[in-house]
Structures are given as structure tokens and as C-alpha cells.
Amino acid sequence: MVIIWSKDTCGYCDMAKRLLAQKGIIFEEKKIGYGYTKEDLLNEIPNARTVPQIIIDGKVIGGYNELNNYFNKGN
């Protein structure tokens, strides 16, 4: 299961969603301001300072750059 925390007008969020889609990965988006708050994000990922925040199979991957590195390592 893949979860991506995002918000409007976030270029890195859009790039992360595009990368996941290109890989054929279905994800759940939790968009701040649309049923979710920054506090919700911090409850799930206390050290989050930016979006996107990507979680794959319960493991916090991080943002877009970390997601890209995750895939480049063969995951």
C-alpha cells in the first residue's frame, strides 16, 4: 500500500504522483486542506517538514527525491 501526503500547488507532489503512476502503482492521496490537516500529517509522520511525504508498505520513504532514489535502488 502506498500513501502520499500532498497539498495544492506543490510541484514535487505532482512529480511524485506522476512517478508512481508511471510505475503503475496505485496510491492513496491524503491532501492537506481536503479532509486532512497538517496536524494529521504530523500525527502520522512526526518529523515531516515538507510535502510530499510518501509511505510504502508502512515505511516512510520521504519526499520526491527519496522516492526517486528508492526506485533507482531497484525497489
PDB file of N, CA and C in Angstrom:
ATOM      1  N   MET A   1       0.840  -1.180   0.000  1.00  0.00           N
ATOM      2  CA  MET A   1       0.000   0.000   0.000  1.00  0.00           C
ATOM      3  C   MET A   1       0.885   1.244   0.000  1.00  0.00           C
ATOM      4  N   VAL A   2       0.513   2.206  -0.823  1.00  0.00           N
ATOM      5  CA  VAL A   2       1.271   3.449  -0.933  1.00  0.00           C
ATOM      6  C   VAL A   2       0.364   4.617  -0.583  1.00  0.00           C
ATOM      7  N   ILE A   3       0.860   5.479   0.290  1.00  0.00           N
ATOM      8  CA  ILE A   3       0.143   6.694   0.687  1.00  0.00           C
ATOM      9  C   ILE A   3       1.042   7.879   0.360  1.00  0.00           C
ATOM     10  N   ILE A   4       0.452   8.905  -0.223  1.00  0.00           N
ATOM     11  CA  ILE A   4       1.199  10.144  -0.466  1.00  0.00           C
ATOM     12  C   ILE A   4       0.440  11.300   0.163  1.00  0.00           C
ATOM     13  N   TRP A   5       1.122  11.989   1.056  1.00  0.00           N
ATOM     14  CA  TRP A   5       0.595  13.214   1.639  1.00  0.00           C
ATOM     15  C   TRP A   5       0.984  14.352   0.713  1.00  0.00           C
ATOM     16  N   SER A   6       0.014  15.205   0.360  1.00  0.00           N
ATOM     17  CA  SER A   6       0.284  16.282  -0.585  1.00  0.00           C
ATOM     18  C   SER A   6      -0.532  17.515  -0.234  1.00  0.00           C
ATOM     19  N   LYS A   7      -0.363  18.549  -1.034  1.00  0.00           N
ATOM     20  CA  LYS A   7      -1.189  19.756  -0.938  1.00  0.00           C
ATOM     21  C   LYS A   7      -1.249  20.399  -2.318  1.00  0.00           C
ATOM     22  N   ASP A   8      -2.175  21.326  -2.477  1.00  0.00           N
ATOM     23  CA  ASP A   8      -2.300  22.041  -3.748  1.00  0.00           C
ATOM     24  C   ASP A   8      -1.034  22.854  -4.024  1.00  0.00           C
ATOM     25  N   THR A   9      -0.816  23.142  -5.281  1.00  0.00           N
ATOM     26  CA  THR A   9       0.309  23.961  -5.756  1.00  0.00           C
ATOM     27  C   THR A   9       1.657  23.457  -5.259  1.00  0.00           C
ATOM     28  N   CYS A  10       1.831  22.156  -5.261  1.00  0.00           N
ATOM     29  CA  CYS A  10       3.093  21.540  -4.833  1.00  0.00           C
ATOM     30  C   CYS A  10       3.660  20.781  -6.035  1.00  0.00           C
ATOM     31  N   GLY A  11       4.657  21.345  -6.663  1.00  0.00           N
ATOM     32  CA  GLY A  11       5.261  20.722  -7.838  1.00  0.00           C
ATOM     33  C   GLY A  11       5.869  19.364  -7.546  1.00  0.00           C
ATOM     34  N   TYR A  12       6.518  19.229  -6.385  1.00  0.00           N
ATOM     35  CA  TYR A  12       7.121  17.942  -6.038  1.00  0.00           C
ATOM     36  C   TYR A  12       6.051  16.883  -5.774  1.00  0.00           C
ATOM     37  N   CYS A  13       4.902  17.316  -5.232  1.00  0.00           N
ATOM     38  CA  CYS A  13       3.784  16.379  -5.037  1.00  0.00           C
ATOM     39  C   CYS A  13       3.320  15.856  -6.393  1.00  0.00           C
ATOM     40  N   ASP A  14       3.169  16.770  -7.351  1.00  0.00           N
ATOM     41  CA  ASP A  14       2.736  16.377  -8.691  1.00  0.00           C
ATOM     42  C   ASP A  14       3.746  15.431  -9.335  1.00  0.00           C
ATOM     43  N   MET A  15       5.032  15.718  -9.183  1.00  0.00           N
ATOM     44  CA  MET A  15       6.062  14.848  -9.768  1.00  0.00           C
ATOM     45  C   MET A  15       6.048  13.469  -9.114  1.00  0.00           C
ATOM     46  N   ALA A  16       5.841  13.417  -7.801  1.00  0.00           N
ATOM     47  CA  ALA A  16       5.799  12.128  -7.095  1.00  0.00           C
ATOM     48  C   ALA A  16       4.597  11.310  -7.563  1.00  0.00           C
ATOM     49  N   LYS A  17       3.444  11.941  -7.701  1.00  0.00           N
ATOM     50  CA  LYS A  17       2.245  11.233  -8.167  1.00  0.00           C
ATOM     51  C   LYS A  17       2.438  10.739  -9.601  1.00  0.00           C
ATOM     52  N   ARG A  18       3.080  11.561 -10.415  1.00  0.00           N
ATOM     53  CA  ARG A  18       3.346  11.167 -11.805  1.00  0.00           C
ATOM     54  C   ARG A  18       4.299   9.968 -11.857  1.00  0.00           C
ATOM     55  N   LEU A  19       5.340   9.984 -11.029  1.00  0.00           N
ATOM     56  CA  LEU A  19       6.298   8.882 -10.992  1.00  0.00           C
ATOM     57  C   LEU A  19       5.616   7.585 -10.550  1.00  0.00           C
ATOM     58  N   LEU A  20       4.789   7.657  -9.522  1.00  0.00           N
ATOM     59  CA  LEU A  20       4.069   6.474  -9.074  1.00  0.00           C
ATOM     60  C   LEU A  20       3.148   5.950 -10.176  1.00  0.00           C
ATOM     61  N   ALA A  21       2.465   6.855 -10.857  1.00  0.00           N
ATOM     62  CA  ALA A  21       1.567   6.451 -11.942  1.00  0.00           C
ATOM     63  C   ALA A  21       2.341   5.797 -13.082  1.00  0.00           C
ATOM     64  N   GLN A  22       3.513   6.352 -13.407  1.00  0.00           N
ATOM     65  CA  GLN A  22       4.353   5.772 -14.475  1.00  0.00           C
ATOM     66  C   GLN A  22       4.794   4.361 -14.118  1.00  0.00           C
ATOM     67  N   LYS A  23       4.965   4.104 -12.823  1.00  0.00           N
ATOM     68  CA  LYS A  23       5.381   2.775 -12.365  1.00  0.00           C
ATOM     69  C   LYS A  23       4.183   1.831 -12.229  1.00  0.00           C
ATOM     70  N   GLY A  24       2.980   2.367 -12.495  1.00  0.00           N
ATOM     71  CA  GLY A  24       1.780   1.551 -12.396  1.00  0.00           C
ATOM     72  C   GLY A  24       1.361   1.280 -10.968  1.00  0.00           C
ATOM     73  N   ILE A  25       1.777   2.140 -10.054  1.00  0.00           N
ATOM     74  CA  ILE A  25       1.491   1.941  -8.634  1.00  0.00           C
ATOM     75  C   ILE A  25       0.251   2.749  -8.249  1.00  0.00           C
ATOM     76  N   ILE A  26      -0.717   2.052  -7.702  1.00  0.00           N
ATOM     77  CA  ILE A  26      -1.923   2.705  -7.209  1.00  0.00           C
ATOM     78  C   ILE A  26      -1.625   3.225  -5.812  1.00  0.00           C
ATOM     79  N   PHE A  27      -2.029   4.459  -5.548  1.00  0.00           N
ATOM     80  CA  PHE A  27      -1.732   5.066  -4.258  1.00  0.00           C
ATOM     81  C   PHE A  27      -2.955   5.779  -3.707  1.00  0.00           C
ATOM     82  N   GLU A  28      -2.937   5.946  -2.391  1.00  0.00           N
ATOM     83  CA  GLU A  28      -3.954   6.741  -1.719  1.00  0.00           C
ATOM     84  C   GLU A  28      -3.348   8.117  -1.473  1.00  0.00           C
ATOM     85  N   GLU A  29      -4.062   9.155  -1.873  1.00  0.00           N
ATOM     86  CA  GLU A  29      -3.583  10.517  -1.644  1.00  0.00           C
ATOM     87  C   GLU A  29      -4.311  11.116  -0.454  1.00  0.00           C
ATOM     88  N   LYS A  30      -3.541  11.657   0.475  1.00  0.00           N
ATOM     89  CA  LYS A  30      -4.086  12.391   1.605  1.00  0.00           C
ATOM     90  C   LYS A  30      -3.676  13.847   1.398  1.00  0.00           C
ATOM     91  N   LYS A  31      -4.631  14.644   0.933  1.00  0.00           N
ATOM     92  CA  LYS A  31      -4.328  16.024   0.562  1.00  0.00           C
ATOM     93  C   LYS A  31      -4.713  16.979   1.689  1.00  0.00           C
ATOM     94  N   ILE A  32      -3.729  17.715   2.171  1.00  0.00           N
ATOM     95  CA  ILE A  32      -3.948  18.696   3.227  1.00  0.00           C
ATOM     96  C   ILE A  32      -4.898  19.775   2.704  1.00  0.00           C
ATOM     97  N   GLY A  33      -5.921  20.050   3.496  1.00  0.00           N
ATOM     98  CA  GLY A  33      -6.925  21.023   3.096  1.00  0.00           C
ATOM     99  C   GLY A  33      -8.160  20.371   2.484  1.00  0.00           C
ATOM    100  N   TYR A  34      -8.092  19.074   2.249  1.00  0.00           N
ATOM    101  CA  TYR A  34      -9.209  18.330   1.660  1.00  0.00           C
ATOM    102  C   TYR A  34      -9.503  17.112   2.540  1.00  0.00           C
ATOM    103  N   GLY A  35      -9.948  17.382   3.762  1.00  0.00           N
ATOM    104  CA  GLY A  35     -10.259  16.308   4.693  1.00  0.00           C
ATOM    105  C   GLY A  35      -9.096  15.940   5.602  1.00  0.00           C
ATOM    106  N   TYR A  36      -7.934  16.509   5.338  1.00  0.00           N
ATOM    107  CA  TYR A  36      -6.750  16.251   6.167  1.00  0.00           C
ATOM    108  C   TYR A  36      -6.099  17.580   6.527  1.00  0.00           C
ATOM    109  N   THR A  37      -5.458  17.611   7.695  1.00  0.00           N
ATOM    110  CA  THR A  37      -4.774  18.816   8.152  1.00  0.00           C
ATOM    111  C   THR A  37      -3.280  18.538   8.310  1.00  0.00           C
ATOM    112  N   LYS A  38      -2.528  19.607   8.479  1.00  0.00           N
ATOM    113  CA  LYS A  38      -1.092  19.458   8.750  1.00  0.00           C
ATOM    114  C   LYS A  38      -0.889  18.655  10.038  1.00  0.00           C
ATOM    115  N   GLU A  39      -1.780  18.835  10.990  1.00  0.00           N
ATOM    116  CA  GLU A  39      -1.687  18.096  12.255  1.00  0.00           C
ATOM    117  C   GLU A  39      -1.878  16.599  12.009  1.00  0.00           C
ATOM    118  N   ASP A  40      -2.781  16.241  11.096  1.00  0.00           N
ATOM    119  CA  ASP A  40      -2.968  14.826  10.743  1.00  0.00           C
ATOM    120  C   ASP A  40      -1.666  14.241  10.191  1.00  0.00           C
ATOM    121  N   LEU A  41      -1.021  15.007   9.315  1.00  0.00           N
ATOM    122  CA  LEU A  41       0.260  14.570   8.757  1.00  0.00           C
ATOM    123  C   LEU A  41       1.279  14.366   9.868  1.00  0.00           C
ATOM    124  N   LEU A  42       1.379  15.335  10.767  1.00  0.00           N
ATOM    125  CA  LEU A  42       2.371  15.252  11.843  1.00  0.00           C
ATOM    126  C   LEU A  42       2.051  14.139  12.837  1.00  0.00           C
ATOM    127  N   ASN A  43       0.781  13.796  12.991  1.00  0.00           N
ATOM    128  CA  ASN A  43       0.431  12.656  13.841  1.00  0.00           C
ATOM    129  C   ASN A  43       0.930  11.357  13.228  1.00  0.00           C
ATOM    130  N   GLU A  44       0.896  11.274  11.903  1.00  0.00           N
ATOM    131  CA  GLU A  44       1.336  10.057  11.219  1.00  0.00           C
ATOM    132  C   GLU A  44       2.848  10.036  11.009  1.00  0.00           C
ATOM    133  N   ILE A  45       3.418  11.204  10.675  1.00  0.00           N
ATOM    134  CA  ILE A  45       4.858  11.321  10.418  1.00  0.00           C
ATOM    135  C   ILE A  45       5.373  12.522  11.219  1.00  0.00           C
ATOM    136  N   PRO A  46       5.727  12.307  12.487  1.00  0.00           N
ATOM    137  CA  PRO A  46       6.094  13.421  13.367  1.00  0.00           C
ATOM    138  C   PRO A  46       7.237  14.300  12.857  1.00  0.00           C
ATOM    139  N   ASN A  47       8.165  13.747  12.101  1.00  0.00           N
ATOM    140  CA  ASN A  47       9.320  14.523  11.641  1.00  0.00           C
ATOM    141  C   ASN A  47       9.092  15.200  10.293  1.00  0.00           C
ATOM    142  N   ALA A  48       7.890  15.094   9.736  1.00  0.00           N
ATOM    143  CA  ALA A  48       7.613  15.688   8.419  1.00  0.00           C
ATOM    144  C   ALA A  48       7.711  17.206   8.498  1.00  0.00           C
ATOM    145  N   ARG A  49       8.452  17.766   7.567  1.00  0.00           N
ATOM    146  CA  ARG A  49       8.572  19.220   7.493  1.00  0.00           C
ATOM    147  C   ARG A  49       8.113  19.752   6.145  1.00  0.00           C
ATOM    148  N   THR A  50       7.978  18.851   5.176  1.00  0.00           N
ATOM    149  CA  THR A  50       7.570  19.245   3.834  1.00  0.00           C
ATOM    150  C   THR A  50       6.627  18.180   3.274  1.00  0.00           C
ATOM    151  N   VAL A  51       5.989  18.517   2.177  1.00  0.00           N
ATOM    152  CA  VAL A  51       5.247  17.537   1.383  1.00  0.00           C
ATOM    153  C   VAL A  51       5.866  17.527   0.002  1.00  0.00           C
ATOM    154  N   PRO A  52       5.780  16.438  -0.705  1.00  0.00           N
ATOM    155  CA  PRO A  52       5.043  15.243  -0.348  1.00  0.00           C
ATOM    156  C   PRO A  52       5.786  14.417   0.705  1.00  0.00           C
ATOM    157  N   GLN A  53       5.018  13.587   1.378  1.00  0.00           N
ATOM    158  CA  GLN A  53       5.553  12.553   2.242  1.00  0.00           C
ATOM    159  C   GLN A  53       4.965  11.248   1.727  1.00  0.00           C
ATOM    160  N   ILE A  54       5.825  10.309   1.387  1.00  0.00           N
ATOM    161  CA  ILE A  54       5.394   9.060   0.780  1.00  0.00           C
ATOM    162  C   ILE A  54       5.668   7.909   1.738  1.00  0.00           C
ATOM    163  N   ILE A  55       4.657   7.065   1.893  1.00  0.00           N
ATOM    164  CA  ILE A  55       4.751   5.875   2.742  1.00  0.00           C
ATOM    165  C   ILE A  55       4.492   4.671   1.850  1.00  0.00           C
ATOM    166  N   ILE A  56       5.414   3.706   1.862  1.00  0.00           N
ATOM    167  CA  ILE A  56       5.257   2.483   1.078  1.00  0.00           C
ATOM    168  C   ILE A  56       5.290   1.300   2.041  1.00  0.00           C
ATOM    169  N   ASP A  57       4.205   0.542   2.039  1.00  0.00           N
ATOM    170  CA  ASP A  57       4.071  -0.634   2.916  1.00  0.00           C
ATOM    171  C   ASP A  57       4.424  -0.310   4.365  1.00  0.00           C
ATOM    172  N   GLY A  58       3.935   0.838   4.851  1.00  0.00           N
ATOM    173  CA  GLY A  58       4.139   1.216   6.236  1.00  0.00           C
ATOM    174  C   GLY A  58       5.461   1.884   6.539  1.00  0.00           C
ATOM    175  N   LYS A  59       6.358   1.970   5.546  1.00  0.00           N
ATOM    176  CA  LYS A  59       7.674   2.584   5.752  1.00  0.00           C
ATOM    177  C   LYS A  59       7.682   3.984   5.141  1.00  0.00           C
ATOM    178  N   VAL A  60       8.092   4.970   5.943  1.00  0.00           N
ATOM    179  CA  VAL A  60       8.177   6.337   5.449  1.00  0.00           C
ATOM    180  C   VAL A  60       9.388   6.444   4.525  1.00  0.00           C
ATOM    181  N   ILE A  61       9.125   6.774   3.261  1.00  0.00           N
ATOM    182  CA  ILE A  61      10.190   6.920   2.267  1.00  0.00           C
ATOM    183  C   ILE A  61      10.739   8.340   2.300  1.00  0.00           C
ATOM    184  N   GLY A  62       9.844   9.315   2.445  1.00  0.00           N
ATOM    185  CA  GLY A  62      10.239  10.720   2.434  1.00  0.00           C
ATOM    186  C   GLY A  62       9.551  11.443   1.294  1.00  0.00           C
ATOM    187  N   GLY A  63      10.269  12.389   0.693  1.00  0.00           N
ATOM    188  CA  GLY A  63       9.717  13.204  -0.377  1.00  0.00           C
ATOM    189  C   GLY A  63      10.009  12.658  -1.764  1.00  0.00           C
ATOM    190  N   TYR A  64       9.866  13.530  -2.759  1.00  0.00           N
ATOM    191  CA  TYR A  64      10.044  13.117  -4.153  1.00  0.00           C
ATOM    192  C   TYR A  64      11.452  12.582  -4.407  1.00  0.00           C
ATOM    193  N   ASN A  65      12.470  13.286  -3.953  1.00  0.00           N
ATOM    194  CA  ASN A  65      13.846  12.842  -4.221  1.00  0.00           C
ATOM    195  C   ASN A  65      14.124  11.476  -3.608  1.00  0.00           C
ATOM    196  N   GLU A  66      13.621  11.261  -2.402  1.00  0.00           N
ATOM    197  CA  GLU A  66      13.804   9.968  -1.747  1.00  0.00           C
ATOM    198  C   GLU A  66      13.031   8.867  -2.486  1.00  0.00           C
ATOM    199  N   LEU A  67      11.856   9.215  -3.007  1.00  0.00           N
ATOM    200  CA  LEU A  67      11.074   8.258  -3.796  1.00  0.00           C
ATOM    201  C   LEU A  67      11.838   7.875  -5.055  1.00  0.00           C
ATOM    202  N   ASN A  68      12.395   8.849  -5.723  1.00  0.00           N
ATOM    203  CA  ASN A  68      13.180   8.599  -6.930  1.00  0.00           C
ATOM    204  C   ASN A  68      14.369   7.697  -6.604  1.00  0.00           C
ATOM    205  N   ASN A  69      15.067   7.980  -5.511  1.00  0.00           N
ATOM    206  CA  ASN A  69      16.198   7.137  -5.085  1.00  0.00           C
ATOM    207  C   ASN A  69      15.738   5.728  -4.747  1.00  0.00           C
ATOM    208  N   TYR A  70      14.577   5.614  -4.121  1.00  0.00           N
ATOM    209  CA  TYR A  70      14.005   4.311  -3.766  1.00  0.00           C
ATOM    210  C   TYR A  70      13.851   3.451  -5.015  1.00  0.00           C
ATOM    211  N   PHE A  71      13.323   4.034  -6.074  1.00  0.00           N
ATOM    212  CA  PHE A  71      13.138   3.277  -7.305  1.00  0.00           C
ATOM    213  C   PHE A  71      14.471   3.015  -8.029  1.00  0.00           C
ATOM    214  N   ASN A  72      15.397   3.962  -7.945  1.00  0.00           N
ATOM    215  CA  ASN A  72      16.694   3.779  -8.593  1.00  0.00           C
ATOM    216  C   ASN A  72      17.516   2.667  -7.939  1.00  0.00           C
ATOM    217  N   LYS A  73      17.176   2.327  -6.694  1.00  0.00           N
ATOM    218  CA  LYS A  73      17.876   1.237  -5.998  1.00  0.00           C
ATOM    219  C   LYS A  73      17.244  -0.113  -6.300  1.00  0.00           C
ATOM    220  N   GLY A  74      16.278  -0.128  -7.212  1.00  0.00           N
ATOM    221  CA  GLY A  74      15.701  -1.384  -7.645  1.00  0.00           C
ATOM    222  C   GLY A  74      14.447  -1.817  -6.919  1.00  0.00           C
ATOM    223  N   ASN A  75      13.854  -0.939  -6.163  1.00  0.00           N
ATOM    224  CA  ASN A  75      12.592  -1.283  -5.468  1.00  0.00           C
ATOM    225  C   ASN A  75      11.420  -1.105  -6.399  1.00  0.00           C
TER     226      ASN A  75
END
